[in-house]
Amino acid sequence: MSRLMIVTFKKEVVGLGAKIREARIQSDEQLTQLAAKAGISTPYWNRIERENLKELPEDTLRGIEKALGVDFGVTFPD
């Protein structure tokens, strides 16, 4: 029987919170709407922008990118 193993990668991305904030400011949507589209809470989005997190899951980053309609260019190994 095969078992599923989850492998995660860590990657430092300097200034990602500021990039997210700038993209949000350029957006015509409210933070609450963007957070809902990304599937996260507004306080969590704020913590991401302020970089008050140790880790940001890739799926959360992708949700933010999708909500904002941008690609921050963060790649992970396949």
PDB file of N, CA and C in Angstrom:
ATOM      1  N   MET A   1       0.834  -1.167   0.000  1.00  0.00           N
ATOM      2  CA  MET A   1       0.000   0.000   0.000  1.00  0.00           C
ATOM      3  C   MET A   1       0.889   1.243   0.000  1.00  0.00           C
ATOM      4  N   SER A   2       0.616   2.168  -0.913  1.00  0.00           N
ATOM      5  CA  SER A   2       1.369   3.420  -0.990  1.00  0.00           C
ATOM      6  C   SER A   2       0.789   4.422  -0.014  1.00  0.00           C
ATOM      7  N   ARG A   3       1.683   5.207   0.562  1.00  0.00           N
ATOM      8  CA  ARG A   3       1.243   6.254   1.475  1.00  0.00           C
ATOM      9  C   ARG A   3       1.578   7.599   0.872  1.00  0.00           C
ATOM     10  N   LEU A   4       0.765   8.560   1.173  1.00  0.00           N
ATOM     11  CA  LEU A   4       0.957   9.918   0.692  1.00  0.00           C
ATOM     12  C   LEU A   4       1.938  10.645   1.597  1.00  0.00           C
ATOM     13  N   MET A   5       2.917  11.303   0.990  1.00  0.00           N
ATOM     14  CA  MET A   5       3.867  12.100   1.747  1.00  0.00           C
ATOM     15  C   MET A   5       3.814  13.525   1.215  1.00  0.00           C
ATOM     16  N   ILE A   6       3.642  14.476   2.107  1.00  0.00           N
ATOM     17  CA  ILE A   6       3.623  15.874   1.720  1.00  0.00           C
ATOM     18  C   ILE A   6       5.020  16.447   1.911  1.00  0.00           C
ATOM     19  N   VAL A   7       5.544  17.035   0.855  1.00  0.00           N
ATOM     20  CA  VAL A   7       6.867  17.634   0.899  1.00  0.00           C
ATOM     21  C   VAL A   7       6.689  19.135   0.713  1.00  0.00           C
ATOM     22  N   THR A   8       7.275  19.906   1.596  1.00  0.00           N
ATOM     23  CA  THR A   8       7.168  21.354   1.477  1.00  0.00           C
ATOM     24  C   THR A   8       8.550  21.950   1.246  1.00  0.00           C
ATOM     25  N   PHE A   9       8.562  23.120   0.631  1.00  0.00           N
ATOM     26  CA  PHE A   9       9.801  23.828   0.365  1.00  0.00           C
ATOM     27  C   PHE A   9       9.706  25.209   0.973  1.00  0.00           C
ATOM     28  N   LYS A  10      10.810  25.681   1.487  1.00  0.00           N
ATOM     29  CA  LYS A  10      10.855  27.034   2.023  1.00  0.00           C
ATOM     30  C   LYS A  10      11.685  27.890   1.083  1.00  0.00           C
ATOM     31  N   LYS A  11      11.224  29.116   0.898  1.00  0.00           N
ATOM     32  CA  LYS A  11      11.923  30.036   0.023  1.00  0.00           C
ATOM     33  C   LYS A  11      11.726  31.431   0.580  1.00  0.00           C
ATOM     34  N   GLU A  12      12.805  32.139   0.788  1.00  0.00           N
ATOM     35  CA  GLU A  12      12.702  33.514   1.262  1.00  0.00           C
ATOM     36  C   GLU A  12      12.439  34.434   0.078  1.00  0.00           C
ATOM     37  N   VAL A  13      11.456  35.292   0.236  1.00  0.00           N
ATOM     38  CA  VAL A  13      11.100  36.245  -0.808  1.00  0.00           C
ATOM     39  C   VAL A  13      11.106  37.627  -0.156  1.00  0.00           C
ATOM     40  N   VAL A  14      12.133  38.388  -0.425  1.00  0.00           N
ATOM     41  CA  VAL A  14      12.292  39.702   0.183  1.00  0.00           C
ATOM     42  C   VAL A  14      11.239  40.668  -0.355  1.00  0.00           C
ATOM     43  N   GLY A  15      10.557  41.352   0.560  1.00  0.00           N
ATOM     44  CA  GLY A  15       9.602  42.381   0.177  1.00  0.00           C
ATOM     45  C   GLY A  15       8.284  41.886  -0.376  1.00  0.00           C
ATOM     46  N   LEU A  16       7.963  40.620  -0.188  1.00  0.00           N
ATOM     47  CA  LEU A  16       6.716  40.093  -0.746  1.00  0.00           C
ATOM     48  C   LEU A  16       5.502  40.789  -0.134  1.00  0.00           C
ATOM     49  N   GLY A  17       5.525  41.041   1.155  1.00  0.00           N
ATOM     50  CA  GLY A  17       4.402  41.722   1.799  1.00  0.00           C
ATOM     51  C   GLY A  17       4.157  43.090   1.194  1.00  0.00           C
ATOM     52  N   ALA A  18       5.224  43.827   0.931  1.00  0.00           N
ATOM     53  CA  ALA A  18       5.099  45.158   0.319  1.00  0.00           C
ATOM     54  C   ALA A  18       4.555  45.055  -1.104  1.00  0.00           C
ATOM     55  N   LYS A  19       4.963  44.024  -1.836  1.00  0.00           N
ATOM     56  CA  LYS A  19       4.458  43.827  -3.201  1.00  0.00           C
ATOM     57  C   LYS A  19       2.964  43.523  -3.176  1.00  0.00           C
ATOM     58  N   ILE A  20       2.556  42.712  -2.223  1.00  0.00           N
ATOM     59  CA  ILE A  20       1.135  42.385  -2.096  1.00  0.00           C
ATOM     60  C   ILE A  20       0.352  43.647  -1.743  1.00  0.00           C
ATOM     61  N   ARG A  21       0.872  44.428  -0.806  1.00  0.00           N
ATOM     62  CA  ARG A  21       0.202  45.675  -0.409  1.00  0.00           C
ATOM     63  C   ARG A  21       0.067  46.629  -1.598  1.00  0.00           C
ATOM     64  N   GLU A  22       1.139  46.792  -2.362  1.00  0.00           N
ATOM     65  CA  GLU A  22       1.105  47.695  -3.512  1.00  0.00           C
ATOM     66  C   GLU A  22       0.078  47.232  -4.545  1.00  0.00           C
ATOM     67  N   ALA A  23       0.037  45.924  -4.802  1.00  0.00           N
ATOM     68  CA  ALA A  23      -0.936  45.388  -5.756  1.00  0.00           C
ATOM     69  C   ALA A  23      -2.358  45.594  -5.239  1.00  0.00           C
ATOM     70  N   ARG A  24      -2.550  45.447  -3.933  1.00  0.00           N
ATOM     71  CA  ARG A  24      -3.881  45.666  -3.358  1.00  0.00           C
ATOM     72  C   ARG A  24      -4.300  47.128  -3.511  1.00  0.00           C
ATOM     73  N   ILE A  25      -3.391  48.037  -3.256  1.00  0.00           N
ATOM     74  CA  ILE A  25      -3.691  49.464  -3.374  1.00  0.00           C
ATOM     75  C   ILE A  25      -4.059  49.806  -4.820  1.00  0.00           C
ATOM     76  N   GLN A  26      -3.367  49.179  -5.769  1.00  0.00           N
ATOM     77  CA  GLN A  26      -3.648  49.416  -7.195  1.00  0.00           C
ATOM     78  C   GLN A  26      -4.971  48.786  -7.627  1.00  0.00           C
ATOM     79  N   SER A  27      -5.440  47.825  -6.856  1.00  0.00           N
ATOM     80  CA  SER A  27      -6.694  47.142  -7.181  1.00  0.00           C
ATOM     81  C   SER A  27      -7.875  48.070  -6.903  1.00  0.00           C
ATOM     82  N   ASP A  28      -8.968  47.824  -7.589  1.00  0.00           N
ATOM     83  CA  ASP A  28     -10.175  48.616  -7.344  1.00  0.00           C
ATOM     84  C   ASP A  28     -11.120  47.937  -6.355  1.00  0.00           C
ATOM     85  N   GLU A  29     -10.641  46.886  -5.685  1.00  0.00           N
ATOM     86  CA  GLU A  29     -11.479  46.149  -4.743  1.00  0.00           C
ATOM     87  C   GLU A  29     -11.061  46.418  -3.304  1.00  0.00           C
ATOM     88  N   GLN A  30     -12.013  46.275  -2.415  1.00  0.00           N
ATOM     89  CA  GLN A  30     -11.757  46.437  -0.992  1.00  0.00           C
ATOM     90  C   GLN A  30     -10.992  45.225  -0.456  1.00  0.00           C
ATOM     91  N   LEU A  31     -10.242  45.450   0.609  1.00  0.00           N
ATOM     92  CA  LEU A  31      -9.464  44.381   1.231  1.00  0.00           C
ATOM     93  C   LEU A  31     -10.351  43.210   1.623  1.00  0.00           C
ATOM     94  N   THR A  32     -11.517  43.494   2.180  1.00  0.00           N
ATOM     95  CA  THR A  32     -12.403  42.403   2.600  1.00  0.00           C
ATOM     96  C   THR A  32     -12.824  41.528   1.420  1.00  0.00           C
ATOM     97  N   GLN A  33     -13.059  42.158   0.263  1.00  0.00           N
ATOM     98  CA  GLN A  33     -13.433  41.393  -0.931  1.00  0.00           C
ATOM     99  C   GLN A  33     -12.262  40.556  -1.430  1.00  0.00           C
ATOM    100  N   LEU A  34     -11.072  41.152  -1.449  1.00  0.00           N
ATOM    101  CA  LEU A  34      -9.881  40.424  -1.910  1.00  0.00           C
ATOM    102  C   LEU A  34      -9.568  39.249  -0.996  1.00  0.00           C
ATOM    103  N   ALA A  35      -9.648  39.483   0.308  1.00  0.00           N
ATOM    104  CA  ALA A  35      -9.377  38.404   1.259  1.00  0.00           C
ATOM    105  C   ALA A  35     -10.367  37.258   1.063  1.00  0.00           C
ATOM    106  N   ALA A  36     -11.631  37.588   0.882  1.00  0.00           N
ATOM    107  CA  ALA A  36     -12.647  36.550   0.658  1.00  0.00           C
ATOM    108  C   ALA A  36     -12.338  35.768  -0.617  1.00  0.00           C
ATOM    109  N   LYS A  37     -11.957  36.470  -1.685  1.00  0.00           N
ATOM    110  CA  LYS A  37     -11.591  35.792  -2.936  1.00  0.00           C
ATOM    111  C   LYS A  37     -10.397  34.869  -2.746  1.00  0.00           C
ATOM    112  N   ALA A  38      -9.459  35.287  -1.893  1.00  0.00           N
ATOM    113  CA  ALA A  38      -8.259  34.491  -1.648  1.00  0.00           C
ATOM    114  C   ALA A  38      -8.518  33.358  -0.657  1.00  0.00           C
ATOM    115  N   GLY A  39      -9.675  33.390  -0.010  1.00  0.00           N
ATOM    116  CA  GLY A  39     -10.019  32.340   0.949  1.00  0.00           C
ATOM    117  C   GLY A  39      -9.349  32.509   2.302  1.00  0.00           C
ATOM    118  N   ILE A  40      -9.021  33.756   2.651  1.00  0.00           N
ATOM    119  CA  ILE A  40      -8.380  34.027   3.941  1.00  0.00           C
ATOM    120  C   ILE A  40      -9.113  35.168   4.632  1.00  0.00           C
ATOM    121  N   SER A  41      -8.824  35.354   5.913  1.00  0.00           N
ATOM    122  CA  SER A  41      -9.457  36.434   6.658  1.00  0.00           C
ATOM    123  C   SER A  41      -8.725  37.753   6.402  1.00  0.00           C
ATOM    124  N   THR A  42      -9.422  38.840   6.649  1.00  0.00           N
ATOM    125  CA  THR A  42      -8.821  40.169   6.510  1.00  0.00           C
ATOM    126  C   THR A  42      -7.642  40.351   7.474  1.00  0.00           C
ATOM    127  N   PRO A  43      -7.764  39.956   8.759  1.00  0.00           N
ATOM    128  CA  PRO A  43      -6.600  40.092   9.651  1.00  0.00           C
ATOM    129  C   PRO A  43      -5.386  39.281   9.177  1.00  0.00           C
ATOM    130  N   TYR A  44      -5.643  38.099   8.622  1.00  0.00           N
ATOM    131  CA  TYR A  44      -4.538  37.278   8.113  1.00  0.00           C
ATOM    132  C   TYR A  44      -3.866  37.983   6.937  1.00  0.00           C
ATOM    133  N   TRP A  45      -4.656  38.562   6.032  1.00  0.00           N
ATOM    134  CA  TRP A  45      -4.101  39.308   4.899  1.00  0.00           C
ATOM    135  C   TRP A  45      -3.225  40.446   5.430  1.00  0.00           C
ATOM    136  N   ASN A  46      -3.708  41.161   6.442  1.00  0.00           N
ATOM    137  CA  ASN A  46      -2.923  42.255   7.023  1.00  0.00           C
ATOM    138  C   ASN A  46      -1.591  41.761   7.581  1.00  0.00           C
ATOM    139  N   ARG A  47      -1.612  40.624   8.246  1.00  0.00           N
ATOM    140  CA  ARG A  47      -0.365  40.047   8.783  1.00  0.00           C
ATOM    141  C   ARG A  47       0.599  39.698   7.657  1.00  0.00           C
ATOM    142  N   ILE A  48       0.063  39.229   6.535  1.00  0.00           N
ATOM    143  CA  ILE A  48       0.908  38.903   5.385  1.00  0.00           C
ATOM    144  C   ILE A  48       1.557  40.169   4.842  1.00  0.00           C
ATOM    145  N   GLU A  49       0.768  41.214   4.669  1.00  0.00           N
ATOM    146  CA  GLU A  49       1.317  42.478   4.153  1.00  0.00           C
ATOM    147  C   GLU A  49       2.394  43.049   5.078  1.00  0.00           C
ATOM    148  N   ARG A  50       2.183  42.929   6.380  1.00  0.00           N
ATOM    149  CA  ARG A  50       3.163  43.444   7.350  1.00  0.00           C
ATOM    150  C   ARG A  50       4.319  42.467   7.574  1.00  0.00           C
ATOM    151  N   GLU A  51       4.236  41.304   6.922  1.00  0.00           N
ATOM    152  CA  GLU A  51       5.236  40.238   7.049  1.00  0.00           C
ATOM    153  C   GLU A  51       5.402  39.808   8.503  1.00  0.00           C
ATOM    154  N   ASN A  52       4.261  39.693   9.191  1.00  0.00           N
ATOM    155  CA  ASN A  52       4.244  39.223  10.574  1.00  0.00           C
ATOM    156  C   ASN A  52       3.963  37.729  10.644  1.00  0.00           C
ATOM    157  N   LEU A  53       4.471  36.989   9.678  1.00  0.00           N
ATOM    158  CA  LEU A  53       4.334  35.540   9.629  1.00  0.00           C
ATOM    159  C   LEU A  53       5.702  34.927   9.427  1.00  0.00           C
ATOM    160  N   LYS A  54       5.870  33.730   9.921  1.00  0.00           N
ATOM    161  CA  LYS A  54       7.123  33.030   9.655  1.00  0.00           C
ATOM    162  C   LYS A  54       7.051  32.288   8.331  1.00  0.00           C
ATOM    163  N   GLU A  55       5.863  31.824   7.984  1.00  0.00           N
ATOM    164  CA  GLU A  55       5.691  31.061   6.753  1.00  0.00           C
ATOM    165  C   GLU A  55       4.379  31.449   6.081  1.00  0.00           C
ATOM    166  N   LEU A  56       4.384  31.447   4.769  1.00  0.00           N
ATOM    167  CA  LEU A  56       3.187  31.690   3.975  1.00  0.00           C
ATOM    168  C   LEU A  56       2.999  30.474   3.075  1.00  0.00           C
ATOM    169  N   PRO A  57       1.947  29.703   3.309  1.00  0.00           N
ATOM    170  CA  PRO A  57       1.730  28.521   2.466  1.00  0.00           C
ATOM    171  C   PRO A  57       1.585  28.905   0.994  1.00  0.00           C
ATOM    172  N   GLU A  58       2.097  28.053   0.131  1.00  0.00           N
ATOM    173  CA  GLU A  58       2.037  28.339  -1.301  1.00  0.00           C
ATOM    174  C   GLU A  58       0.600  28.514  -1.777  1.00  0.00           C
ATOM    175  N   ASP A  59      -0.319  27.683  -1.278  1.00  0.00           N
ATOM    176  CA  ASP A  59      -1.706  27.821  -1.739  1.00  0.00           C
ATOM    177  C   ASP A  59      -2.317  29.162  -1.323  1.00  0.00           C
ATOM    178  N   THR A  60      -1.882  29.706  -0.200  1.00  0.00           N
ATOM    179  CA  THR A  60      -2.351  31.029   0.213  1.00  0.00           C
ATOM    180  C   THR A  60      -1.793  32.093  -0.715  1.00  0.00           C
ATOM    181  N   LEU A  61      -0.514  31.995  -1.038  1.00  0.00           N
ATOM    182  CA  LEU A  61       0.096  32.931  -1.981  1.00  0.00           C
ATOM    183  C   LEU A  61      -0.618  32.881  -3.322  1.00  0.00           C
ATOM    184  N   ARG A  62      -0.889  31.686  -3.807  1.00  0.00           N
ATOM    185  CA  ARG A  62      -1.571  31.552  -5.103  1.00  0.00           C
ATOM    186  C   ARG A  62      -2.983  32.137  -5.037  1.00  0.00           C
ATOM    187  N   GLY A  63      -3.664  31.976  -3.911  1.00  0.00           N
ATOM    188  CA  GLY A  63      -4.986  32.559  -3.744  1.00  0.00           C
ATOM    189  C   GLY A  63      -4.948  34.078  -3.782  1.00  0.00           C
ATOM    190  N   ILE A  64      -3.926  34.659  -3.159  1.00  0.00           N
ATOM    191  CA  ILE A  64      -3.748  36.111  -3.183  1.00  0.00           C
ATOM    192  C   ILE A  64      -3.456  36.580  -4.597  1.00  0.00           C
ATOM    193  N   GLU A  65      -2.577  35.871  -5.285  1.00  0.00           N
ATOM    194  CA  GLU A  65      -2.267  36.227  -6.676  1.00  0.00           C
ATOM    195  C   GLU A  65      -3.525  36.192  -7.534  1.00  0.00           C
ATOM    196  N   LYS A  66      -4.326  35.155  -7.363  1.00  0.00           N
ATOM    197  CA  LYS A  66      -5.551  35.014  -8.153  1.00  0.00           C
ATOM    198  C   LYS A  66      -6.525  36.142  -7.829  1.00  0.00           C
ATOM    199  N   ALA A  67      -6.687  36.457  -6.545  1.00  0.00           N
ATOM    200  CA  ALA A  67      -7.605  37.525  -6.138  1.00  0.00           C
ATOM    201  C   ALA A  67      -7.183  38.868  -6.720  1.00  0.00           C
ATOM    202  N   LEU A  68      -5.873  39.111  -6.766  1.00  0.00           N
ATOM    203  CA  LEU A  68      -5.347  40.374  -7.272  1.00  0.00           C
ATOM    204  C   LEU A  68      -5.158  40.374  -8.787  1.00  0.00           C
ATOM    205  N   GLY A  69      -5.147  39.185  -9.389  1.00  0.00           N
ATOM    206  CA  GLY A  69      -4.915  39.087 -10.830  1.00  0.00           C
ATOM    207  C   GLY A  69      -3.472  39.382 -11.201  1.00  0.00           C
ATOM    208  N   VAL A  70      -2.540  38.996 -10.315  1.00  0.00           N
ATOM    209  CA  VAL A  70      -1.123  39.230 -10.559  1.00  0.00           C
ATOM    210  C   VAL A  70      -0.327  37.950 -10.317  1.00  0.00           C
ATOM    211  N   ASP A  71       0.899  37.947 -10.797  1.00  0.00           N
ATOM    212  CA  ASP A  71       1.841  36.862 -10.544  1.00  0.00           C
ATOM    213  C   ASP A  71       3.081  37.495  -9.939  1.00  0.00           C
ATOM    214  N   PHE A  72       3.387  37.145  -8.707  1.00  0.00           N
ATOM    215  CA  PHE A  72       4.534  37.716  -8.030  1.00  0.00           C
ATOM    216  C   PHE A  72       5.857  37.040  -8.404  1.00  0.00           C
ATOM    217  N   GLY A  73       5.795  36.047  -9.280  1.00  0.00           N
ATOM    218  CA  GLY A  73       7.003  35.411  -9.776  1.00  0.00           C
ATOM    219  C   GLY A  73       7.689  34.482  -8.794  1.00  0.00           C
ATOM    220  N   VAL A  74       6.965  34.043  -7.773  1.00  0.00           N
ATOM    221  CA  VAL A  74       7.544  33.125  -6.796  1.00  0.00           C
ATOM    222  C   VAL A  74       7.357  31.703  -7.309  1.00  0.00           C
ATOM    223  N   THR A  75       8.458  31.018  -7.524  1.00  0.00           N
ATOM    224  CA  THR A  75       8.386  29.659  -8.054  1.00  0.00           C
ATOM    225  C   THR A  75       8.977  28.681  -7.040  1.00  0.00           C
ATOM    226  N   PHE A  76       8.518  27.465  -7.108  1.00  0.00           N
ATOM    227  CA  PHE A  76       8.996  26.376  -6.253  1.00  0.00           C
ATOM    228  C   PHE A  76       9.395  25.224  -7.146  1.00  0.00           C
ATOM    229  N   PRO A  77      10.307  24.384  -6.680  1.00  0.00           N
ATOM    230  CA  PRO A  77      10.688  23.227  -7.500  1.00  0.00           C
ATOM    231  C   PRO A  77       9.488  22.286  -7.708  1.00  0.00           C
ATOM    232  N   ASP A  78       9.458  21.640  -8.854  1.00  0.00           N
ATOM    233  CA  ASP A  78       8.366  20.689  -9.137  1.00  0.00           C
ATOM    234  C   ASP A  78       8.563  19.408  -8.381  1.00  0.00           C
TER     235      ASP A  78
END
